[in-house]
Amino acid sequence: AGGAVGRWGTSGRVGQSRGGSAAEAAFLLAFSSIRNNDKGGLIWFSDQVERFSPPKKGRSHTLRLIREILFFEPKGRGTLPSLALDYLNHLVTRRSVVFFVSDFQAEPFSRALTVPSRRHDLIAIRIDDLRGEALPNIGILTLEDADTGGQLAIHTGDRQTLSRFLSLAEQRRAALT
């Protein structure tokens, strides 16, 4: 299973988006499936299941998946991992190894992970934004929510703003753990 590759923020690697990092993880998994003669498939999702490529073996199938990952543009703006996990549960009935690639920046969906984790070997791969835990002191900064388009202007030099930002980042990290 895969996440929406596209409109994500930065990753910890300079110059690479989180979508690029997710795509890179998917590439590594795809090439690993060729080497191990395993089947590979993908579920692309946003606030809807965007596309499903059923698991198949072979180099040409894997290269097609990689091409689709590179050029995927989601139609939806939000993120509903539980929808993709439910879709997986109904579609993939044989026990499988499922890699769930996400930044986990969505409404809590831990309950939706329980069924596939009992039915499959579920491996979560979190694409993290290392720069998302520190604010550069650059004055007024406008932040935009990738899912909703909502914007918020903050003053990055303000100590209260910085303290609140760090507190929220710590709460988010603790909740994710």
C-alpha atoms as a PDB file:
ATOM      1  CA  ALA A   1       0.000   0.000   0.000  1.00  0.00           C
ATOM      2  CA  GLY A   2       1.235   3.482  -0.670  1.00  0.00           C
ATOM      3  CA  GLY A   3       0.353   7.005   0.180  1.00  0.00           C
ATOM      4  CA  ALA A   4      -0.427   9.941  -1.974  1.00  0.00           C
ATOM      5  CA  VAL A   5       2.771  10.953  -3.698  1.00  0.00           C
ATOM      6  CA  GLY A   6       2.603  14.603  -4.635  1.00  0.00           C
ATOM      7  CA  ARG A   7       1.621  17.633  -2.599  1.00  0.00           C
ATOM      8  CA  TRP A   8       3.735  17.082   0.502  1.00  0.00           C
ATOM      9  CA  GLY A   9       6.117  19.449   2.239  1.00  0.00           C
ATOM     10  CA  THR A  10       9.838  19.104   2.569  1.00  0.00           C
ATOM     11  CA  SER A  11      11.733  16.100   3.843  1.00  0.00           C
ATOM     12  CA  GLY A  12      14.844  16.089   5.951  1.00  0.00           C
ATOM     13  CA  ARG A  13      16.925  15.900   2.797  1.00  0.00           C
ATOM     14  CA  VAL A  14      17.693  19.303   1.315  1.00  0.00           C
ATOM     15  CA  GLY A  15      15.845  19.881  -1.936  1.00  0.00           C
ATOM     16  CA  GLN A  16      13.631  16.805  -1.754  1.00  0.00           C
ATOM     17  CA  SER A  17       9.898  16.871  -1.078  1.00  0.00           C
ATOM     18  CA  ARG A  18       8.234  14.348   1.199  1.00  0.00           C
ATOM     19  CA  GLY A  19       6.496  13.082  -1.932  1.00  0.00           C
ATOM     20  CA  GLY A  20       9.930  12.529  -3.479  1.00  0.00           C
ATOM     21  CA  SER A  21      11.078  10.692  -0.360  1.00  0.00           C
ATOM     22  CA  ALA A  22       7.943   8.509  -0.429  1.00  0.00           C
ATOM     23  CA  ALA A  23       8.538   7.783  -4.113  1.00  0.00           C
ATOM     24  CA  GLU A  24      12.159   6.874  -3.358  1.00  0.00           C
ATOM     25  CA  ALA A  25      11.030   4.434  -0.639  1.00  0.00           C
ATOM     26  CA  ALA A  26       8.515   2.912  -3.074  1.00  0.00           C
ATOM     27  CA  PHE A  27      11.251   2.558  -5.723  1.00  0.00           C
ATOM     28  CA  LEU A  28      13.496   0.683  -3.304  1.00  0.00           C
ATOM     29  CA  LEU A  29      10.655  -1.632  -2.334  1.00  0.00           C
ATOM     30  CA  ALA A  30       9.733  -2.188  -5.983  1.00  0.00           C
ATOM     31  CA  PHE A  31      13.290  -3.076  -6.991  1.00  0.00           C
ATOM     32  CA  SER A  32      13.537  -5.337  -3.959  1.00  0.00           C
ATOM     33  CA  SER A  33      10.437  -7.195  -5.169  1.00  0.00           C
ATOM     34  CA  ILE A  34      12.148  -7.845  -8.530  1.00  0.00           C
ATOM     35  CA  ARG A  35      15.271  -9.148  -6.823  1.00  0.00           C
ATOM     36  CA  ASN A  36      13.252 -11.449  -4.534  1.00  0.00           C
ATOM     37  CA  ASN A  37      10.861 -12.521  -7.317  1.00  0.00           C
ATOM     38  CA  ASP A  38       7.931 -11.148  -5.260  1.00  0.00           C
ATOM     39  CA  LYS A  39       4.739  -9.541  -6.432  1.00  0.00           C
ATOM     40  CA  GLY A  40       4.393  -5.808  -6.026  1.00  0.00           C
ATOM     41  CA  GLY A  41       1.330  -3.586  -6.137  1.00  0.00           C
ATOM     42  CA  LEU A  42       0.237  -0.126  -5.028  1.00  0.00           C
ATOM     43  CA  ILE A  43      -2.744   1.714  -3.663  1.00  0.00           C
ATOM     44  CA  TRP A  44      -2.576   5.467  -4.223  1.00  0.00           C
ATOM     45  CA  PHE A  45      -4.815   7.484  -1.960  1.00  0.00           C
ATOM     46  CA  SER A  46      -5.641  10.979  -0.845  1.00  0.00           C
ATOM     47  CA  ASP A  47      -9.092  11.620   0.599  1.00  0.00           C
ATOM     48  CA  GLN A  48     -10.170   8.877  -1.814  1.00  0.00           C
ATOM     49  CA  VAL A  49      -8.634   5.771  -3.319  1.00  0.00           C
ATOM     50  CA  GLU A  50      -7.047   7.275  -6.411  1.00  0.00           C
ATOM     51  CA  ARG A  51      -5.707   4.184  -8.140  1.00  0.00           C
ATOM     52  CA  PHE A  52      -5.001   0.520  -7.510  1.00  0.00           C
ATOM     53  CA  SER A  53      -2.368  -1.534  -9.285  1.00  0.00           C
ATOM     54  CA  PRO A  54      -2.811  -5.195  -8.314  1.00  0.00           C
ATOM     55  CA  PRO A  55       0.237  -7.170  -7.204  1.00  0.00           C
ATOM     56  CA  LYS A  56       2.161  -8.789 -10.054  1.00  0.00           C
ATOM     57  CA  LYS A  57       5.660 -10.087 -10.622  1.00  0.00           C
ATOM     58  CA  GLY A  58       8.161  -8.961 -13.166  1.00  0.00           C
ATOM     59  CA  ARG A  59      10.448  -6.213 -14.223  1.00  0.00           C
ATOM     60  CA  SER A  60       8.059  -4.580 -16.714  1.00  0.00           C
ATOM     61  CA  HIS A  61       5.269  -4.394 -14.107  1.00  0.00           C
ATOM     62  CA  THR A  62       7.646  -2.885 -11.565  1.00  0.00           C
ATOM     63  CA  LEU A  63       8.942  -0.312 -14.054  1.00  0.00           C
ATOM     64  CA  ARG A  64       5.320   0.611 -14.889  1.00  0.00           C
ATOM     65  CA  LEU A  65       4.630   1.123 -11.164  1.00  0.00           C
ATOM     66  CA  ILE A  66       7.676   3.373 -10.880  1.00  0.00           C
ATOM     67  CA  ARG A  67       6.574   5.414 -13.897  1.00  0.00           C
ATOM     68  CA  GLU A  68       3.104   5.767 -12.341  1.00  0.00           C
ATOM     69  CA  ILE A  69       4.619   6.864  -9.037  1.00  0.00           C
ATOM     70  CA  LEU A  70       6.705   9.523 -10.774  1.00  0.00           C
ATOM     71  CA  PHE A  71       3.779  11.041 -12.641  1.00  0.00           C
ATOM     72  CA  PHE A  72       0.981  10.555 -10.106  1.00  0.00           C
ATOM     73  CA  GLU A  73      -1.116  13.667  -9.463  1.00  0.00           C
ATOM     74  CA  PRO A  74      -3.802  13.207  -6.798  1.00  0.00           C
ATOM     75  CA  LYS A  75      -7.324  14.423  -7.534  1.00  0.00           C
ATOM     76  CA  GLY A  76      -8.219  14.773  -3.851  1.00  0.00           C
ATOM     77  CA  ARG A  77      -6.711  17.301  -1.455  1.00  0.00           C
ATOM     78  CA  GLY A  78      -7.116  15.594   1.913  1.00  0.00           C
ATOM     79  CA  THR A  79      -5.679  12.425   3.376  1.00  0.00           C
ATOM     80  CA  LEU A  80      -7.805   9.507   4.590  1.00  0.00           C
ATOM     81  CA  PRO A  81      -5.493   6.572   5.327  1.00  0.00           C
ATOM     82  CA  SER A  82      -8.358   4.600   6.896  1.00  0.00           C
ATOM     83  CA  LEU A  83     -10.141   4.578   3.523  1.00  0.00           C
ATOM     84  CA  ALA A  84      -7.087   3.065   1.808  1.00  0.00           C
ATOM     85  CA  LEU A  85      -6.650   0.516   4.604  1.00  0.00           C
ATOM     86  CA  ASP A  86     -10.300  -0.550   4.335  1.00  0.00           C
ATOM     87  CA  TYR A  87      -9.850  -0.852   0.575  1.00  0.00           C
ATOM     88  CA  LEU A  88      -6.786  -3.037   1.153  1.00  0.00           C
ATOM     89  CA  ASN A  89      -8.716  -5.267   3.578  1.00  0.00           C
ATOM     90  CA  HIS A  90     -11.471  -5.901   1.048  1.00  0.00           C
ATOM     91  CA  LEU A  91      -9.222  -6.381  -1.970  1.00  0.00           C
ATOM     92  CA  VAL A  92      -6.182  -8.293  -0.744  1.00  0.00           C
ATOM     93  CA  THR A  93      -7.347 -11.475   0.934  1.00  0.00           C
ATOM     94  CA  ARG A  94      -4.117 -13.496   0.839  1.00  0.00           C
ATOM     95  CA  ARG A  95      -1.636 -12.875   3.621  1.00  0.00           C
ATOM     96  CA  SER A  96       0.879 -10.371   2.295  1.00  0.00           C
ATOM     97  CA  VAL A  97       3.658  -8.084   3.343  1.00  0.00           C
ATOM     98  CA  VAL A  98       2.196  -4.570   3.238  1.00  0.00           C
ATOM     99  CA  PHE A  99       4.386  -1.481   3.349  1.00  0.00           C
ATOM    100  CA  PHE A 100       2.400   1.560   4.416  1.00  0.00           C
ATOM    101  CA  VAL A 101       4.353   4.646   3.309  1.00  0.00           C
ATOM    102  CA  SER A 102       3.057   7.859   4.848  1.00  0.00           C
ATOM    103  CA  ASP A 103       4.016  10.992   6.723  1.00  0.00           C
ATOM    104  CA  PHE A 104       1.240  10.066   9.202  1.00  0.00           C
ATOM    105  CA  GLN A 105       0.050  13.684   9.202  1.00  0.00           C
ATOM    106  CA  ALA A 106      -3.648  12.822   9.191  1.00  0.00           C
ATOM    107  CA  GLU A 107      -6.462  12.479  11.661  1.00  0.00           C
ATOM    108  CA  PRO A 108      -5.658   9.557  13.984  1.00  0.00           C
ATOM    109  CA  PHE A 109      -6.162   6.280  12.161  1.00  0.00           C
ATOM    110  CA  SER A 110      -4.515   3.733  14.469  1.00  0.00           C
ATOM    111  CA  ARG A 111      -7.782   1.763  14.728  1.00  0.00           C
ATOM    112  CA  ALA A 112      -7.813   1.372  10.940  1.00  0.00           C
ATOM    113  CA  LEU A 113      -4.343  -0.217  11.157  1.00  0.00           C
ATOM    114  CA  THR A 114      -5.498  -3.060  13.428  1.00  0.00           C
ATOM    115  CA  VAL A 115      -7.314  -5.202  10.839  1.00  0.00           C
ATOM    116  CA  PRO A 116      -4.546  -5.194   8.202  1.00  0.00           C
ATOM    117  CA  SER A 117      -1.921  -5.738  10.915  1.00  0.00           C
ATOM    118  CA  ARG A 118      -3.734  -8.939  11.971  1.00  0.00           C
ATOM    119  CA  ARG A 119      -4.304 -10.092   8.402  1.00  0.00           C
ATOM    120  CA  HIS A 120      -0.942  -9.083   6.892  1.00  0.00           C
ATOM    121  CA  ASP A 121       2.626  -8.352   7.877  1.00  0.00           C
ATOM    122  CA  LEU A 122       2.220  -4.590   8.100  1.00  0.00           C
ATOM    123  CA  ILE A 123       5.349  -2.457   7.976  1.00  0.00           C
ATOM    124  CA  ALA A 124       4.918   1.283   8.445  1.00  0.00           C
ATOM    125  CA  ILE A 125       7.426   3.584   6.797  1.00  0.00           C
ATOM    126  CA  ARG A 126       7.183   7.144   8.033  1.00  0.00           C
ATOM    127  CA  ILE A 127       8.360   9.920   5.763  1.00  0.00           C
ATOM    128  CA  ASP A 128       9.430  12.606   8.187  1.00  0.00           C
ATOM    129  CA  ASP A 129      10.160  16.289   7.829  1.00  0.00           C
ATOM    130  CA  LEU A 130      13.184  16.992   9.996  1.00  0.00           C
ATOM    131  CA  ARG A 131      12.924  20.704   9.288  1.00  0.00           C
ATOM    132  CA  GLY A 132       9.306  20.687  10.495  1.00  0.00           C
ATOM    133  CA  GLU A 133      10.505  20.734  14.087  1.00  0.00           C
ATOM    134  CA  ALA A 134      12.383  24.019  13.960  1.00  0.00           C
ATOM    135  CA  LEU A 135      11.385  27.449  12.759  1.00  0.00           C
ATOM    136  CA  PRO A 136      13.970  29.654  11.086  1.00  0.00           C
ATOM    137  CA  ASN A 137      14.023  33.174  12.484  1.00  0.00           C
ATOM    138  CA  ILE A 138      13.003  34.933   9.263  1.00  0.00           C
ATOM    139  CA  GLY A 139      10.229  37.207  10.485  1.00  0.00           C
ATOM    140  CA  ILE A 140       6.660  36.725   9.306  1.00  0.00           C
ATOM    141  CA  LEU A 141       6.082  33.394   7.590  1.00  0.00           C
ATOM    142  CA  THR A 142       2.886  32.214   5.888  1.00  0.00           C
ATOM    143  CA  LEU A 143       2.181  28.507   6.291  1.00  0.00           C
ATOM    144  CA  GLU A 144      -0.311  26.628   4.110  1.00  0.00           C
ATOM    145  CA  ASP A 145      -2.111  23.383   4.930  1.00  0.00           C
ATOM    146  CA  ALA A 146      -1.597  21.093   1.919  1.00  0.00           C
ATOM    147  CA  ASP A 147      -4.912  19.321   2.521  1.00  0.00           C
ATOM    148  CA  THR A 148      -7.243  22.269   3.093  1.00  0.00           C
ATOM    149  CA  GLY A 149      -5.378  25.192   1.534  1.00  0.00           C
ATOM    150  CA  GLY A 150      -5.869  27.150   4.766  1.00  0.00           C
ATOM    151  CA  GLN A 151      -3.159  29.672   5.545  1.00  0.00           C
ATOM    152  CA  LEU A 152      -1.707  31.017   8.768  1.00  0.00           C
ATOM    153  CA  ALA A 153       0.787  33.868   9.196  1.00  0.00           C
ATOM    154  CA  ILE A 154       3.201  33.569  12.125  1.00  0.00           C
ATOM    155  CA  HIS A 155       6.110  35.651  13.384  1.00  0.00           C
ATOM    156  CA  THR A 156       9.063  33.281  13.628  1.00  0.00           C
ATOM    157  CA  GLY A 157      11.085  35.629  15.820  1.00  0.00           C
ATOM    158  CA  ASP A 158       8.463  35.708  18.577  1.00  0.00           C
ATOM    159  CA  ARG A 159       9.498  33.591  21.600  1.00  0.00           C
ATOM    160  CA  GLN A 160       5.912  32.612  22.457  1.00  0.00           C
ATOM    161  CA  THR A 161       5.301  31.464  18.881  1.00  0.00           C
ATOM    162  CA  LEU A 162       8.530  29.470  18.882  1.00  0.00           C
ATOM    163  CA  SER A 163       7.726  27.900  22.266  1.00  0.00           C
ATOM    164  CA  ARG A 164       4.201  26.966  21.163  1.00  0.00           C
ATOM    165  CA  PHE A 165       5.509  25.543  17.863  1.00  0.00           C
ATOM    166  CA  LEU A 166       8.084  23.365  19.648  1.00  0.00           C
ATOM    167  CA  SER A 167       5.459  22.203  22.146  1.00  0.00           C
ATOM    168  CA  LEU A 168       3.066  21.210  19.347  1.00  0.00           C
ATOM    169  CA  ALA A 169       5.873  19.400  17.498  1.00  0.00           C
ATOM    170  CA  GLU A 170       6.683  17.425  20.663  1.00  0.00           C
ATOM    171  CA  GLN A 171       3.000  16.567  21.206  1.00  0.00           C
ATOM    172  CA  ARG A 172       2.698  15.424  17.573  1.00  0.00           C
ATOM    173  CA  ARG A 173       5.832  13.267  17.885  1.00  0.00           C
ATOM    174  CA  ALA A 174       4.597  11.714  21.174  1.00  0.00           C
ATOM    175  CA  ALA A 175       1.151  10.989  19.697  1.00  0.00           C
ATOM    176  CA  LEU A 176       2.688   9.361  16.649  1.00  0.00           C
ATOM    177  CA  THR A 177       4.957   7.197  18.778  1.00  0.00           C
END
